Amino acid sequence: ESGGGLVQPGGSLRLSCAPSGSIFSFNLMGWYRQAPGKERESVAGIT
């Protein structure tokens, strides 16, 4: 996993995730996020 960083409000970032194994072998791929003091939450997924 890579692509994080510091950006100003309104800016853009692109995260990447490269698995060992075909992306088509997974029922779901995506991202969760967790901010300090908050619950982990699902952000996006793709089947």
All heavy atoms as atom14 arrays in JSON, in Angstrom:
{
  "sequence": "ESGGGLVQPGGSLRLSCAPSGSIFSFNLMGWYRQAPGKERESVAGIT",
  "atom14_mask": [
    [1, 1, 1, 1, 1, 1, 1, 1, 1, 0, 0, 0, 0, 0],
    [1, 1, 1, 1, 1, 1, 0, 0, 0, 0, 0, 0, 0, 0],
    [1, 1, 1, 1, 0, 0, 0, 0, 0, 0, 0, 0, 0, 0],
    [1, 1, 1, 1, 0, 0, 0, 0, 0, 0, 0, 0, 0, 0],
    [1, 1, 1, 1, 0, 0, 0, 0, 0, 0, 0, 0, 0, 0],
    [1, 1, 1, 1, 1, 1, 1, 1, 0, 0, 0, 0, 0, 0],
    [1, 1, 1, 1, 1, 1, 1, 0, 0, 0, 0, 0, 0, 0],
    [1, 1, 1, 1, 1, 1, 1, 1, 1, 0, 0, 0, 0, 0],
    [1, 1, 1, 1, 1, 1, 1, 0, 0, 0, 0, 0, 0, 0],
    [1, 1, 1, 1, 0, 0, 0, 0, 0, 0, 0, 0, 0, 0],
    [1, 1, 1, 1, 0, 0, 0, 0, 0, 0, 0, 0, 0, 0],
    [1, 1, 1, 1, 1, 1, 0, 0, 0, 0, 0, 0, 0, 0],
    [1, 1, 1, 1, 1, 1, 1, 1, 0, 0, 0, 0, 0, 0],
    [1, 1, 1, 1, 1, 1, 1, 1, 1, 1, 1, 0, 0, 0],
    [1, 1, 1, 1, 1, 1, 1, 1, 0, 0, 0, 0, 0, 0],
    [1, 1, 1, 1, 1, 1, 0, 0, 0, 0, 0, 0, 0, 0],
    [1, 1, 1, 1, 1, 1, 0, 0, 0, 0, 0, 0, 0, 0],
    [1, 1, 1, 1, 1, 0, 0, 0, 0, 0, 0, 0, 0, 0],
    [1, 1, 1, 1, 1, 1, 1, 0, 0, 0, 0, 0, 0, 0],
    [1, 1, 1, 1, 1, 1, 0, 0, 0, 0, 0, 0, 0, 0],
    [1, 1, 1, 1, 0, 0, 0, 0, 0, 0, 0, 0, 0, 0],
    [1, 1, 1, 1, 1, 1, 0, 0, 0, 0, 0, 0, 0, 0],
    [1, 1, 1, 1, 1, 1, 1, 1, 0, 0, 0, 0, 0, 0],
    [1, 1, 1, 1, 1, 1, 1, 1, 1, 1, 1, 0, 0, 0],
    [1, 1, 1, 1, 1, 1, 0, 0, 0, 0, 0, 0, 0, 0],
    [1, 1, 1, 1, 1, 1, 1, 1, 1, 1, 1, 0, 0, 0],
    [1, 1, 1, 1, 1, 1, 1, 1, 0, 0, 0, 0, 0, 0],
    [1, 1, 1, 1, 1, 1, 1, 1, 0, 0, 0, 0, 0, 0],
    [1, 1, 1, 1, 1, 1, 1, 1, 0, 0, 0, 0, 0, 0],
    [1, 1, 1, 1, 0, 0, 0, 0, 0, 0, 0, 0, 0, 0],
    [1, 1, 1, 1, 1, 1, 1, 1, 1, 1, 1, 1, 1, 1],
    [1, 1, 1, 1, 1, 1, 1, 1, 1, 1, 1, 1, 0, 0],
    [1, 1, 1, 1, 1, 1, 1, 1, 1, 1, 1, 0, 0, 0],
    [1, 1, 1, 1, 1, 1, 1, 1, 1, 0, 0, 0, 0, 0],
    [1, 1, 1, 1, 1, 0, 0, 0, 0, 0, 0, 0, 0, 0],
    [1, 1, 1, 1, 1, 1, 1, 0, 0, 0, 0, 0, 0, 0],
    [1, 1, 1, 1, 0, 0, 0, 0, 0, 0, 0, 0, 0, 0],
    [1, 1, 1, 1, 1, 1, 1, 1, 1, 0, 0, 0, 0, 0],
    [1, 1, 1, 1, 1, 1, 1, 1, 1, 0, 0, 0, 0, 0],
    [1, 1, 1, 1, 1, 1, 1, 1, 1, 1, 1, 0, 0, 0],
    [1, 1, 1, 1, 1, 1, 1, 1, 1, 0, 0, 0, 0, 0],
    [1, 1, 1, 1, 1, 1, 0, 0, 0, 0, 0, 0, 0, 0],
    [1, 1, 1, 1, 1, 1, 1, 0, 0, 0, 0, 0, 0, 0],
    [1, 1, 1, 1, 1, 0, 0, 0, 0, 0, 0, 0, 0, 0],
    [1, 1, 1, 1, 0, 0, 0, 0, 0, 0, 0, 0, 0, 0],
    [1, 1, 1, 1, 1, 1, 1, 1, 0, 0, 0, 0, 0, 0],
    [1, 1, 1, 1, 1, 1, 1, 0, 0, 0, 0, 0, 0, 0]
  ],
  "atom14_positions": [
    [[0.83, -1.18, 0.0], [0.0, 0.0, 0.0], [0.88, 1.25, 0.0], [1.88, 1.31, 0.72], [-0.91, -0.01, 1.23], [-1.88, 1.12, 1.31], [-2.77, 1.03, 2.54], [-2.68, 0.02, 3.27], [-3.56, 1.96, 2.76], [0.0, 0.0, 0.0], [0.0, 0.0, 0.0], [0.0, 0.0, 0.0], [0.0, 0.0, 0.0], [0.0, 0.0, 0.0]],
    [[0.49, 2.25, -0.78], [1.26, 3.48, -0.85], [0.36, 4.62, -1.31], [-0.78, 4.41, -1.71], [2.45, 3.33, -1.8], [2.01, 3.09, -3.13], [0.0, 0.0, 0.0], [0.0, 0.0, 0.0], [0.0, 0.0, 0.0], [0.0, 0.0, 0.0], [0.0, 0.0, 0.0], [0.0, 0.0, 0.0], [0.0, 0.0, 0.0], [0.0, 0.0, 0.0]],
    [[0.9, 5.83, -1.25], [0.23, 7.0, -1.81], [-0.19, 8.05, -0.82], [-0.66, 9.12, -1.23], [0.0, 0.0, 0.0], [0.0, 0.0, 0.0], [0.0, 0.0, 0.0], [0.0, 0.0, 0.0], [0.0, 0.0, 0.0], [0.0, 0.0, 0.0], [0.0, 0.0, 0.0], [0.0, 0.0, 0.0], [0.0, 0.0, 0.0], [0.0, 0.0, 0.0]],
    [[-0.05, 7.79, 0.47], [-0.44, 8.78, 1.45], [0.5, 9.96, 1.47], [1.56, 9.97, 0.85], [0.0, 0.0, 0.0], [0.0, 0.0, 0.0], [0.0, 0.0, 0.0], [0.0, 0.0, 0.0], [0.0, 0.0, 0.0], [0.0, 0.0, 0.0], [0.0, 0.0, 0.0], [0.0, 0.0, 0.0], [0.0, 0.0, 0.0], [0.0, 0.0, 0.0]],
    [[0.1, 10.98, 2.21], [0.92, 12.17, 2.33], [0.15, 13.32, 2.9], [-0.96, 13.17, 3.41], [0.0, 0.0, 0.0], [0.0, 0.0, 0.0], [0.0, 0.0, 0.0], [0.0, 0.0, 0.0], [0.0, 0.0, 0.0], [0.0, 0.0, 0.0], [0.0, 0.0, 0.0], [0.0, 0.0, 0.0], [0.0, 0.0, 0.0], [0.0, 0.0, 0.0]],
    [[0.76, 14.49, 2.81], [0.18, 15.73, 3.31], [-0.33, 16.55, 2.13], [0.4, 16.76, 1.15], [1.22, 16.52, 4.09], [0.83, 17.92, 4.55], [-0.32, 17.85, 5.55], [2.03, 18.63, 5.14], [0.0, 0.0, 0.0], [0.0, 0.0, 0.0], [0.0, 0.0, 0.0], [0.0, 0.0, 0.0], [0.0, 0.0, 0.0], [0.0, 0.0, 0.0]],
    [[-1.56, 16.99, 2.23], [-2.16, 17.78, 1.16], [-3.05, 18.85, 1.77], [-3.6, 18.67, 2.86], [-2.95, 16.86, 0.2], [-4.15, 16.25, 0.9], [-3.38, 17.61, -1.05], [0.0, 0.0, 0.0], [0.0, 0.0, 0.0], [0.0, 0.0, 0.0], [0.0, 0.0, 0.0], [0.0, 0.0, 0.0], [0.0, 0.0, 0.0], [0.0, 0.0, 0.0]],
    [[-3.18, 19.97, 1.07], [-4.05, 21.04, 1.53], [-5.5, 20.72, 1.25], [-5.81, 19.93, 0.34], [-3.66, 22.35, 0.85], [-2.3, 22.88, 1.26], [-2.01, 24.25, 0.67], [-2.68, 24.7, -0.25], [-1.0, 24.91, 1.21], [0.0, 0.0, 0.0], [0.0, 0.0, 0.0], [0.0, 0.0, 0.0], [0.0, 0.0, 0.0], [0.0, 0.0, 0.0]],
    [[-6.41, 21.31, 2.0], [-7.83, 21.13, 1.68], [-8.12, 21.47, 0.23], [-7.62, 22.46, -0.3], [-8.54, 22.08, 2.64], [-7.6, 22.2, 3.8], [-6.21, 22.13, 3.2], [0.0, 0.0, 0.0], [0.0, 0.0, 0.0], [0.0, 0.0, 0.0], [0.0, 0.0, 0.0], [0.0, 0.0, 0.0], [0.0, 0.0, 0.0], [0.0, 0.0, 0.0]],
    [[-8.93, 20.64, -0.39], [-9.23, 20.79, -1.8], [-8.28, 20.06, -2.72], [-8.56, 19.96, -3.92], [0.0, 0.0, 0.0], [0.0, 0.0, 0.0], [0.0, 0.0, 0.0], [0.0, 0.0, 0.0], [0.0, 0.0, 0.0], [0.0, 0.0, 0.0], [0.0, 0.0, 0.0], [0.0, 0.0, 0.0], [0.0, 0.0, 0.0], [0.0, 0.0, 0.0]],
    [[-7.19, 19.55, -2.18], [-6.22, 18.84, -2.97], [-6.6, 17.4, -3.23], [-7.68, 16.94, -2.85], [0.0, 0.0, 0.0], [0.0, 0.0, 0.0], [0.0, 0.0, 0.0], [0.0, 0.0, 0.0], [0.0, 0.0, 0.0], [0.0, 0.0, 0.0], [0.0, 0.0, 0.0], [0.0, 0.0, 0.0], [0.0, 0.0, 0.0], [0.0, 0.0, 0.0]],
    [[-5.68, 16.69, -3.88], [-5.92, 15.31, -4.29], [-4.76, 14.42, -3.93], [-3.61, 14.85, -3.88], [-6.15, 15.25, -5.81], [-7.28, 15.98, -6.21], [0.0, 0.0, 0.0], [0.0, 0.0, 0.0], [0.0, 0.0, 0.0], [0.0, 0.0, 0.0], [0.0, 0.0, 0.0], [0.0, 0.0, 0.0], [0.0, 0.0, 0.0], [0.0, 0.0, 0.0]],
    [[-5.07, 13.16, -3.7], [-4.1, 12.1, -3.53], [-4.63, 10.85, -4.19], [-5.84, 10.68, -4.32], [-3.83, 11.81, -2.05], [-3.02, 12.83, -1.25], [-3.05, 12.45, 0.23], [-1.59, 12.89, -1.74], [0.0, 0.0, 0.0], [0.0, 0.0, 0.0], [0.0, 0.0, 0.0], [0.0, 0.0, 0.0], [0.0, 0.0, 0.0], [0.0, 0.0, 0.0]],
    [[-3.72, 9.97, -4.57], [-4.11, 8.68, -5.1], [-3.41, 7.59, -4.31], [-2.17, 7.54, -4.26], [-3.76, 8.56, -6.58], [-4.16, 7.21, -7.18], [-3.86, 7.13, -8.67], [-4.73, 8.02, -9.44], [-4.73, 8.1, -10.77], [-3.9, 7.34, -11.48], [-5.55, 8.94, -11.38], [0.0, 0.0, 0.0], [0.0, 0.0, 0.0], [0.0, 0.0, 0.0]],
    [[-4.19, 6.73, -3.7], [-3.67, 5.59, -2.98], [-3.66, 4.37, -3.89], [-4.52, 4.23, -4.76], [-4.53, 5.29, -1.75], [-4.78, 6.43, -0.77], [-5.57, 5.92, 0.43], [-3.47, 7.07, -0.34], [0.0, 0.0, 0.0], [0.0, 0.0, 0.0], [0.0, 0.0, 0.0], [0.0, 0.0, 0.0], [0.0, 0.0, 0.0], [0.0, 0.0, 0.0]],
    [[-2.68, 3.52, -3.69], [-2.6, 2.29, -4.46], [-2.46, 1.1, -3.54], [-1.92, 1.2, -2.44], [-1.44, 2.34, -5.45], [-0.2, 2.39, -4.78], [0.0, 0.0, 0.0], [0.0, 0.0, 0.0], [0.0, 0.0, 0.0], [0.0, 0.0, 0.0], [0.0, 0.0, 0.0], [0.0, 0.0, 0.0], [0.0, 0.0, 0.0], [0.0, 0.0, 0.0]],
    [[-2.95, -0.02, -4.0], [-2.85, -1.27, -3.25], [-2.61, -2.39, -4.24], [-3.43, -2.63, -5.12], [-4.13, -1.52, -2.46], [-4.09, -3.02, -1.45], [0.0, 0.0, 0.0], [0.0, 0.0, 0.0], [0.0, 0.0, 0.0], [0.0, 0.0, 0.0], [0.0, 0.0, 0.0], [0.0, 0.0, 0.0], [0.0, 0.0, 0.0], [0.0, 0.0, 0.0]],
    [[-1.47, -3.05, -4.09], [-1.08, -4.13, -4.99], [-1.03, -5.43, -4.2], [-0.16, -5.6, -3.34], [0.27, -3.84, -5.63], [0.0, 0.0, 0.0], [0.0, 0.0, 0.0], [0.0, 0.0, 0.0], [0.0, 0.0, 0.0], [0.0, 0.0, 0.0], [0.0, 0.0, 0.0], [0.0, 0.0, 0.0], [0.0, 0.0, 0.0], [0.0, 0.0, 0.0]],
    [[-1.93, -6.34, -4.48], [-1.94, -7.6, -3.74], [-1.07, -8.67, -4.39], [-0.82, -8.64, -5.6], [-3.41, -8.02, -3.79], [-3.85, -7.53, -5.14], [-3.09, -6.25, -5.38], [0.0, 0.0, 0.0], [0.0, 0.0, 0.0], [0.0, 0.0, 0.0], [0.0, 0.0, 0.0], [0.0, 0.0, 0.0], [0.0, 0.0, 0.0], [0.0, 0.0, 0.0]],
    [[-0.64, -9.61, -3.57], [-0.05, -10.82, -4.09], [-1.19, -11.77, -4.42], [-1.8, -12.37, -3.54], [0.92, -11.45, -3.08], [0.25, -11.75, -1.86], [0.0, 0.0, 0.0], [0.0, 0.0, 0.0], [0.0, 0.0, 0.0], [0.0, 0.0, 0.0], [0.0, 0.0, 0.0], [0.0, 0.0, 0.0], [0.0, 0.0, 0.0], [0.0, 0.0, 0.0]],
    [[-1.46, -11.89, -5.67], [-2.62, -12.62, -6.14], [-3.44, -11.74, -7.06], [-3.42, -10.52, -6.94], [0.0, 0.0, 0.0], [0.0, 0.0, 0.0], [0.0, 0.0, 0.0], [0.0, 0.0, 0.0], [0.0, 0.0, 0.0], [0.0, 0.0, 0.0], [0.0, 0.0, 0.0], [0.0, 0.0, 0.0], [0.0, 0.0, 0.0], [0.0, 0.0, 0.0]],
    [[-4.16, -12.37, -7.94], [-4.94, -11.62, -8.92], [-6.03, -10.81, -8.24], [-6.71, -11.28, -7.33], [-5.56, -12.58, -9.94], [-6.46, -11.9, -10.79], [0.0, 0.0, 0.0], [0.0, 0.0, 0.0], [0.0, 0.0, 0.0], [0.0, 0.0, 0.0], [0.0, 0.0, 0.0], [0.0, 0.0, 0.0], [0.0, 0.0, 0.0], [0.0, 0.0, 0.0]],
    [[-6.21, -9.58, -8.7], [-7.28, -8.75, -8.18], [-8.64, -9.37, -8.45], [-9.61, -9.08, -7.74], [-7.22, -7.32, -8.75], [-7.35, -7.33, -10.27], [-5.95, -6.63, -8.31], [-7.39, -5.93, -10.88], [0.0, 0.0, 0.0], [0.0, 0.0, 0.0], [0.0, 0.0, 0.0], [0.0, 0.0, 0.0], [0.0, 0.0, 0.0], [0.0, 0.0, 0.0]],
    [[-8.72, -10.24, -9.44], [-9.99, -10.88, -9.77], [-10.31, -12.06, -8.86], [-11.41, -12.6, -8.93], [-10.0, -11.32, -11.23], [-9.9, -10.19, -12.2], [-8.75, -9.98, -12.93], [-10.96, -9.33, -12.38], [-8.65, -8.94, -13.82], [-10.87, -8.27, -13.27], [-9.72, -8.08, -14.0], [0.0, 0.0, 0.0], [0.0, 0.0, 0.0], [0.0, 0.0, 0.0]],
    [[-9.34, -12.46, -8.05], [-9.57, -13.57, -7.15], [-10.25, -13.15, -5.85], [-10.58, -14.02, -5.04], [-8.25, -14.27, -6.83], [-7.43, -13.49, -5.98], [0.0, 0.0, 0.0], [0.0, 0.0, 0.0], [0.0, 0.0, 0.0], [0.0, 0.0, 0.0], [0.0, 0.0, 0.0], [0.0, 0.0, 0.0], [0.0, 0.0, 0.0], [0.0, 0.0, 0.0]],
    [[-10.45, -11.86, -5.66], [-11.01, -11.35, -4.42], [-12.47, -10.95, -4.6], [-12.84, -10.35, -5.6], [-10.2, -10.16, -3.91], [-8.76, -10.49, -3.67], [-7.78, -10.06, -4.55], [-8.39, -11.23, -2.57], [-6.46, -10.37, -4.34], [-7.06, -11.55, -2.35], [-6.1, -11.12, -3.23], [0.0, 0.0, 0.0], [0.0, 0.0, 0.0], [0.0, 0.0, 0.0]],
    [[-13.26, -11.28, -3.61], [-14.64, -10.85, -3.61], [-14.75, -9.33, -3.5], [-15.65, -8.73, -4.09], [-15.4, -11.48, -2.45], [-15.34, -12.99, -2.46], [-14.66, -13.59, -1.63], [-16.04, -13.6, -3.41], [0.0, 0.0, 0.0], [0.0, 0.0, 0.0], [0.0, 0.0, 0.0], [0.0, 0.0, 0.0], [0.0, 0.0, 0.0], [0.0, 0.0, 0.0]],
    [[-13.82, -8.74, -2.76], [-13.87, -7.31, -2.5], [-12.47, -6.79, -2.23], [-11.67, -7.43, -1.56], [-14.78, -7.02, -1.3], [-15.01, -5.56, -0.94], [-15.85, -4.88, -2.01], [-15.7, -5.46, 0.41], [0.0, 0.0, 0.0], [0.0, 0.0, 0.0], [0.0, 0.0, 0.0], [0.0, 0.0, 0.0], [0.0, 0.0, 0.0], [0.0, 0.0, 0.0]],
    [[-12.18, -5.62, -2.77], [-10.99, -4.86, -2.44], [-11.42, -3.44, -2.13], [-12.4, -2.95, -2.68], [-9.98, -4.85, -3.58], [-9.41, -6.19, -3.94], [-8.09, -6.07, -5.19], [-6.83, -5.15, -4.28], [0.0, 0.0, 0.0], [0.0, 0.0, 0.0], [0.0, 0.0, 0.0], [0.0, 0.0, 0.0], [0.0, 0.0, 0.0], [0.0, 0.0, 0.0]],
    [[-10.67, -2.79, -1.25], [-11.01, -1.42, -0.95], [-10.18, -0.86, 0.18], [-9.09, -1.35, 0.48], [0.0, 0.0, 0.0], [0.0, 0.0, 0.0], [0.0, 0.0, 0.0], [0.0, 0.0, 0.0], [0.0, 0.0, 0.0], [0.0, 0.0, 0.0], [0.0, 0.0, 0.0], [0.0, 0.0, 0.0], [0.0, 0.0, 0.0], [0.0, 0.0, 0.0]],
    [[-10.73, 0.19, 0.79], [-10.04, 0.88, 1.88], [-10.97, 1.14, 3.05], [-12.15, 1.48, 2.87], [-9.48, 2.23, 1.41], [-8.14, 2.14, 0.78], [-6.93, 2.28, 1.38], [-7.88, 1.9, -0.6], [-5.92, 2.14, 0.46], [-6.47, 1.91, -0.76], [-8.69, 1.68, -1.71], [-5.86, 1.7, -1.99], [-8.08, 1.47, -2.93], [-6.69, 1.48, -3.06]],
    [[-10.42, 0.98, 4.23], [-10.96, 1.52, 5.45], [-10.04, 2.64, 5.92], [-8.89, 2.73, 5.5], [-11.04, 0.45, 6.54], [-12.2, -0.51, 6.41], [-12.26, -1.44, 5.39], [-13.24, -0.47, 7.34], [-13.32, -2.32, 5.29], [-14.3, -1.35, 7.24], [-14.34, -2.27, 6.21], [-15.39, -3.15, 6.13], [0.0, 0.0, 0.0], [0.0, 0.0, 0.0]],
    [[-10.57, 3.47, 6.79], [-9.74, 4.5, 7.4], [-10.08, 4.63, 8.87], [-11.18, 4.32, 9.31], [-9.91, 5.86, 6.7], [-11.27, 6.51, 6.89], [-11.39, 7.76, 6.04], [-12.66, 8.43, 6.22], [-13.08, 9.47, 5.5], [-12.3, 9.96, 4.53], [-14.25, 10.02, 5.74], [0.0, 0.0, 0.0], [0.0, 0.0, 0.0], [0.0, 0.0, 0.0]],
    [[-9.1, 5.1, 9.62], [-9.28, 5.3, 11.04], [-8.57, 6.58, 11.46], [-7.36, 6.71, 11.29], [-8.75, 4.11, 11.84], [-9.09, 4.19, 13.32], [-8.87, 2.88, 14.03], [-8.03, 2.07, 13.61], [-9.62, 2.64, 15.08], [0.0, 0.0, 0.0], [0.0, 0.0, 0.0], [0.0, 0.0, 0.0], [0.0, 0.0, 0.0], [0.0, 0.0, 0.0]],
    [[-9.35, 7.5, 11.99], [-8.82, 8.73, 12.54], [-8.62, 8.57, 14.03], [-9.29, 7.74, 14.67], [-9.76, 9.89, 12.24], [0.0, 0.0, 0.0], [0.0, 0.0, 0.0], [0.0, 0.0, 0.0], [0.0, 0.0, 0.0], [0.0, 0.0, 0.0], [0.0, 0.0, 0.0], [0.0, 0.0, 0.0], [0.0, 0.0, 0.0], [0.0, 0.0, 0.0]],
    [[-7.73, 9.35, 14.63], [-7.49, 9.23, 16.07], [-8.78, 9.39, 16.87], [-9.54, 10.34, 16.67], [-6.51, 10.36, 16.36], [-5.8, 10.58, 15.07], [-6.83, 10.34, 14.01], [0.0, 0.0, 0.0], [0.0, 0.0, 0.0], [0.0, 0.0, 0.0], [0.0, 0.0, 0.0], [0.0, 0.0, 0.0], [0.0, 0.0, 0.0], [0.0, 0.0, 0.0]],
    [[-9.01, 8.45, 17.76], [-10.17, 8.51, 18.62], [-11.48, 8.13, 17.97], [-12.54, 8.25, 18.61], [0.0, 0.0, 0.0], [0.0, 0.0, 0.0], [0.0, 0.0, 0.0], [0.0, 0.0, 0.0], [0.0, 0.0, 0.0], [0.0, 0.0, 0.0], [0.0, 0.0, 0.0], [0.0, 0.0, 0.0], [0.0, 0.0, 0.0], [0.0, 0.0, 0.0]],
    [[-11.44, 7.69, 16.73], [-12.66, 7.35, 16.01], [-12.66, 5.89, 15.6], [-11.63, 5.23, 15.56], [-12.81, 8.24, 14.78], [-13.01, 9.72, 15.09], [-13.32, 10.5, 13.85], [-13.53, 11.97, 14.16], [-14.71, 12.18, 15.03], [0.0, 0.0, 0.0], [0.0, 0.0, 0.0], [0.0, 0.0, 0.0], [0.0, 0.0, 0.0], [0.0, 0.0, 0.0]],
    [[-13.85, 5.41, 15.29], [-14.0, 4.05, 14.82], [-13.46, 3.91, 13.41], [-13.48, 4.85, 12.61], [-15.47, 3.64, 14.85], [-16.1, 3.6, 16.23], [-15.61, 2.43, 17.02], [-15.5, 1.32, 16.45], [-15.32, 2.6, 18.21], [0.0, 0.0, 0.0], [0.0, 0.0, 0.0], [0.0, 0.0, 0.0], [0.0, 0.0, 0.0], [0.0, 0.0, 0.0]],
    [[-12.97, 2.72, 13.11], [-12.6, 2.41, 11.74], [-13.84, 2.39, 10.87], [-14.87, 1.82, 11.26], [-11.88, 1.07, 11.68], [-11.33, 0.72, 10.31], [-10.67, -0.65, 10.33], [-11.64, -1.7, 10.54], [-11.34, -3.0, 10.59], [-10.08, -3.4, 10.46], [-12.3, -3.9, 10.79], [0.0, 0.0, 0.0], [0.0, 0.0, 0.0], [0.0, 0.0, 0.0]],
    [[-13.75, 2.98, 9.7], [-14.89, 3.04, 8.82], [-14.5, 2.65, 7.4], [-13.39, 2.94, 6.94], [-15.51, 4.44, 8.82], [-14.59, 5.53, 8.31], [-15.27, 6.88, 8.22], [-16.51, 6.94, 8.31], [-14.55, 7.9, 8.07], [0.0, 0.0, 0.0], [0.0, 0.0, 0.0], [0.0, 0.0, 0.0], [0.0, 0.0, 0.0], [0.0, 0.0, 0.0]],
    [[-15.43, 2.03, 6.74], [-15.25, 1.69, 5.34], [-15.34, 2.96, 4.49], [-16.22, 3.8, 4.7], [-16.3, 0.68, 4.89], [-16.16, 0.38, 3.52], [0.0, 0.0, 0.0], [0.0, 0.0, 0.0], [0.0, 0.0, 0.0], [0.0, 0.0, 0.0], [0.0, 0.0, 0.0], [0.0, 0.0, 0.0], [0.0, 0.0, 0.0], [0.0, 0.0, 0.0]],
    [[-14.44, 3.07, 3.53], [-14.4, 4.23, 2.64], [-14.93, 3.89, 1.26], [-15.81, 4.57, 0.74], [-12.97, 4.79, 2.53], [-12.92, 5.96, 1.56], [-12.46, 5.2, 3.9], [0.0, 0.0, 0.0], [0.0, 0.0, 0.0], [0.0, 0.0, 0.0], [0.0, 0.0, 0.0], [0.0, 0.0, 0.0], [0.0, 0.0, 0.0], [0.0, 0.0, 0.0]],
    [[-14.37, 2.87, 0.66], [-14.74, 2.49, -0.7], [-14.37, 1.04, -0.93], [-13.42, 0.52, -0.32], [-14.05, 3.38, -1.73], [0.0, 0.0, 0.0], [0.0, 0.0, 0.0], [0.0, 0.0, 0.0], [0.0, 0.0, 0.0], [0.0, 0.0, 0.0], [0.0, 0.0, 0.0], [0.0, 0.0, 0.0], [0.0, 0.0, 0.0], [0.0, 0.0, 0.0]],
    [[-15.09, 0.4, -1.81], [-14.8, -0.97, -2.16], [-15.18, -1.26, -3.59], [-16.0, -0.56, -4.19], [0.0, 0.0, 0.0], [0.0, 0.0, 0.0], [0.0, 0.0, 0.0], [0.0, 0.0, 0.0], [0.0, 0.0, 0.0], [0.0, 0.0, 0.0], [0.0, 0.0, 0.0], [0.0, 0.0, 0.0], [0.0, 0.0, 0.0], [0.0, 0.0, 0.0]],
    [[-14.56, -2.3, -4.14], [-14.88, -2.75, -5.49], [-14.86, -4.26, -5.49], [-13.95, -4.89, -4.95], [-13.93, -2.13, -6.53], [-14.38, -2.49, -7.95], [-12.48, -2.55, -6.28], [-13.68, -1.65, -9.02], [0.0, 0.0, 0.0], [0.0, 0.0, 0.0], [0.0, 0.0, 0.0], [0.0, 0.0, 0.0], [0.0, 0.0, 0.0], [0.0, 0.0, 0.0]],
    [[-15.87, -4.86, -6.09], [-15.97, -6.3, -6.14], [-15.11, -6.86, -7.26], [-14.63, -6.14, -8.13], [-17.42, -6.75, -6.34], [-17.84, -6.4, -7.66], [-18.34, -6.1, -5.33], [0.0, 0.0, 0.0], [0.0, 0.0, 0.0], [0.0, 0.0, 0.0], [0.0, 0.0, 0.0], [0.0, 0.0, 0.0], [0.0, 0.0, 0.0], [0.0, 0.0, 0.0]]
  ]
}
